[in-house]
Amino acid sequence: MRLTLHTDYALRTLIYLGIHTDRLTSIHEIAQAYGISENHLVKIIHRLGRGGFVETLRGRRGGLRLGRPAEEIRIGDVVRYTEEDLGLVTCMQPPVEGTRPCLLVGGCSLRGVLDEALDSFMGVLDSYTLAQAITAHERRFLDAPPPPAA
């Protein structure tokens, strides 16, 4: 299983915001810290805001902050929210018009094995919160003062 860049950047954004709970941050600041595109990050922030993971404040003194405490944000919830499709194989994904379903649907034991594996994967992610993902290592690299205002 491989998570999308969207989810990767969403998790990184939440970690950054979880480190900087004492102030508002900006998309520019987060993008600079990780060396990622601001345009891509805007889409991610928008989605995280709709999901209640991030609060966005507009205006001259606006910025970003976590939508709820890091202790209340489960990594599994973020992954489920940001991933479009967690189906490991075609038969676990929504049907696509014009394609034939697998000949083994309804009697295939592989799907059960893969369902169990996905449940275990998500169970591990559900057992960790954002707060647990923020260690001294992350703080050392991401706890720099904000860049000067333009």
Protein backbone atom coordinates (compact mmCIF):
# COMPACT_ATOMS: atom_id res chain seq x y z
CA MET A 1 0.00 0.00 0.00
CA ARG A 2 1.25 3.45 -0.85
CA LEU A 3 -0.33 6.68 0.37
CA THR A 4 -0.73 9.57 -2.04
CA LEU A 5 1.35 12.76 -1.90
CA HIS A 6 -1.86 14.52 -0.90
CA THR A 7 -2.05 12.46 2.29
CA ASP A 8 1.70 12.74 2.90
CA TYR A 9 1.54 16.55 2.66
CA ALA A 10 -1.63 16.64 4.77
CA LEU A 11 0.10 14.72 7.56
CA ARG A 12 3.20 16.93 7.30
CA THR A 13 1.02 20.04 7.48
CA LEU A 14 -0.73 18.77 10.60
CA ILE A 15 2.60 17.95 12.24
CA TYR A 16 3.84 21.47 11.47
CA LEU A 17 0.67 23.03 12.89
CA GLY A 18 0.89 20.71 15.91
CA ILE A 19 4.36 22.04 16.68
CA HIS A 20 3.31 25.68 16.28
CA THR A 21 0.20 25.77 18.49
CA ASP A 22 1.36 29.00 20.11
CA ARG A 23 0.75 31.06 16.95
CA LEU A 24 -0.90 31.13 13.56
CA THR A 25 1.12 29.89 10.59
CA SER A 26 0.85 30.48 6.87
CA ILE A 27 0.73 28.28 3.81
CA HIS A 28 3.91 30.00 2.62
CA GLU A 29 5.70 29.09 5.85
CA ILE A 30 4.68 25.43 5.72
CA ALA A 31 5.55 25.16 2.02
CA GLN A 32 8.99 26.65 2.67
CA ALA A 33 9.65 24.36 5.62
CA TYR A 34 9.00 21.24 3.56
CA GLY A 35 10.02 22.52 0.13
CA ILE A 36 6.64 21.81 -1.43
CA SER A 37 4.40 23.76 -3.80
CA GLU A 38 2.21 26.45 -2.23
CA ASN A 39 -0.43 25.86 -4.91
CA HIS A 40 -0.64 22.17 -4.01
CA LEU A 41 -0.70 23.01 -0.31
CA VAL A 42 -3.65 25.40 -0.77
CA LYS A 43 -5.78 22.47 -1.99
CA ILE A 44 -4.67 20.31 0.93
CA ILE A 45 -5.37 23.03 3.51
CA HIS A 46 -8.81 23.60 2.00
CA ARG A 47 -9.64 19.92 2.31
CA LEU A 48 -8.24 19.66 5.85
CA GLY A 49 -10.33 22.69 6.77
CA ARG A 50 -13.51 21.07 5.44
CA GLY A 51 -12.68 18.01 7.54
CA GLY A 52 -12.23 20.04 10.72
CA PHE A 53 -8.54 19.16 11.03
CA VAL A 54 -7.41 22.73 10.31
CA GLU A 55 -8.94 26.07 11.14
CA THR A 56 -8.30 28.86 8.67
CA LEU A 57 -8.59 32.50 9.68
CA ARG A 58 -8.80 35.08 6.90
CA GLY A 59 -7.65 38.65 6.87
CA ARG A 60 -4.53 40.63 7.62
CA ARG A 61 -3.86 38.82 10.88
CA GLY A 62 -5.15 35.49 9.59
CA GLY A 63 -3.43 32.17 9.30
CA LEU A 64 -3.74 28.49 10.06
CA ARG A 65 -3.96 26.41 13.19
CA LEU A 66 -5.13 22.97 14.18
CA GLY A 67 -8.90 22.58 14.20
CA ARG A 68 -8.72 20.56 17.40
CA PRO A 69 -5.98 19.45 19.81
CA ALA A 70 -3.31 17.14 18.38
CA GLU A 71 -4.27 14.55 21.02
CA GLU A 72 -7.72 14.30 19.39
CA ILE A 73 -6.54 13.82 15.79
CA ARG A 74 -6.01 10.16 14.93
CA ILE A 75 -3.64 9.44 12.06
CA GLY A 76 -6.08 6.86 10.69
CA ASP A 77 -8.85 9.46 10.49
CA VAL A 78 -6.62 11.77 8.44
CA VAL A 79 -5.64 8.96 6.07
CA ARG A 80 -9.27 7.88 5.57
CA TYR A 81 -10.29 11.48 4.92
CA THR A 82 -7.52 12.36 2.48
CA GLU A 83 -7.21 9.11 0.51
CA GLU A 84 -9.66 8.88 -2.38
CA ASP A 85 -9.52 5.09 -2.54
CA LEU A 86 -8.19 2.60 -0.02
CA GLY A 87 -9.03 -0.42 -2.19
CA LEU A 88 -5.88 -2.52 -2.45
CA VAL A 89 -7.03 -4.33 -5.58
CA THR A 90 -9.65 -3.66 -8.24
CA CYS A 91 -12.39 -5.73 -6.63
CA MET A 92 -12.10 -3.62 -3.45
CA GLN A 93 -12.63 -0.38 -5.40
CA PRO A 94 -15.90 1.11 -6.60
CA PRO A 95 -17.01 -0.41 -9.91
CA VAL A 96 -15.90 1.43 -13.06
CA GLU A 97 -18.34 1.59 -15.94
CA GLY A 98 -17.20 -0.37 -18.96
CA THR A 99 -14.98 -2.80 -17.04
CA ARG A 100 -15.73 -6.41 -16.22
CA PRO A 101 -15.77 -7.46 -12.59
CA CYS A 102 -13.29 -10.10 -11.52
CA LEU A 103 -14.39 -13.63 -12.34
CA LEU A 104 -13.69 -14.70 -8.76
CA VAL A 105 -15.92 -12.11 -7.03
CA GLY A 106 -18.05 -13.77 -4.39
CA GLY A 107 -15.77 -16.72 -3.77
CA CYS A 108 -12.26 -15.29 -3.72
CA SER A 109 -10.31 -15.82 -0.52
CA LEU A 110 -7.63 -13.28 -1.53
CA ARG A 111 -10.05 -10.39 -1.02
CA GLY A 112 -10.64 -11.53 2.56
CA VAL A 113 -6.90 -11.65 3.20
CA LEU A 114 -6.47 -8.16 1.74
CA ASP A 115 -9.43 -6.81 3.72
CA GLU A 116 -7.84 -8.17 6.89
CA ALA A 117 -4.48 -6.61 5.98
CA LEU A 118 -6.10 -3.23 5.31
CA ASP A 119 -8.01 -3.44 8.60
CA SER A 120 -4.74 -4.15 10.43
CA PHE A 121 -2.97 -1.28 8.66
CA MET A 122 -5.73 1.16 9.53
CA GLY A 123 -5.92 -0.22 13.07
CA VAL A 124 -2.29 0.68 13.63
CA LEU A 125 -2.85 4.19 12.22
CA ASP A 126 -5.92 4.55 14.45
CA SER A 127 -3.83 3.72 17.50
CA TYR A 128 -1.67 6.85 17.03
CA THR A 129 -2.59 10.49 17.41
CA LEU A 130 -0.99 13.50 15.82
CA ALA A 131 0.47 14.37 19.22
CA GLN A 132 2.34 11.05 19.26
CA ALA A 133 3.77 11.77 15.81
CA ILE A 134 5.34 14.99 17.06
CA THR A 135 8.61 14.02 18.69
CA ALA A 136 11.77 15.89 19.63
CA HIS A 137 13.12 15.06 16.17
CA GLU A 138 10.27 16.87 14.39
CA ARG A 139 10.51 19.80 16.80
CA ARG A 140 14.24 20.17 16.22
CA PHE A 141 13.78 20.57 12.47
CA LEU A 142 10.46 22.40 12.32
CA ASP A 143 10.44 24.69 15.35
CA ALA A 144 12.20 27.60 13.68
CA PRO A 145 10.93 31.16 14.00
CA PRO A 146 8.51 32.23 11.26
CA PRO A 147 9.94 34.04 8.25
CA PRO A 148 9.61 37.84 8.33
CA ALA A 149 6.30 39.19 7.07
CA ALA A 150 6.41 40.51 3.54
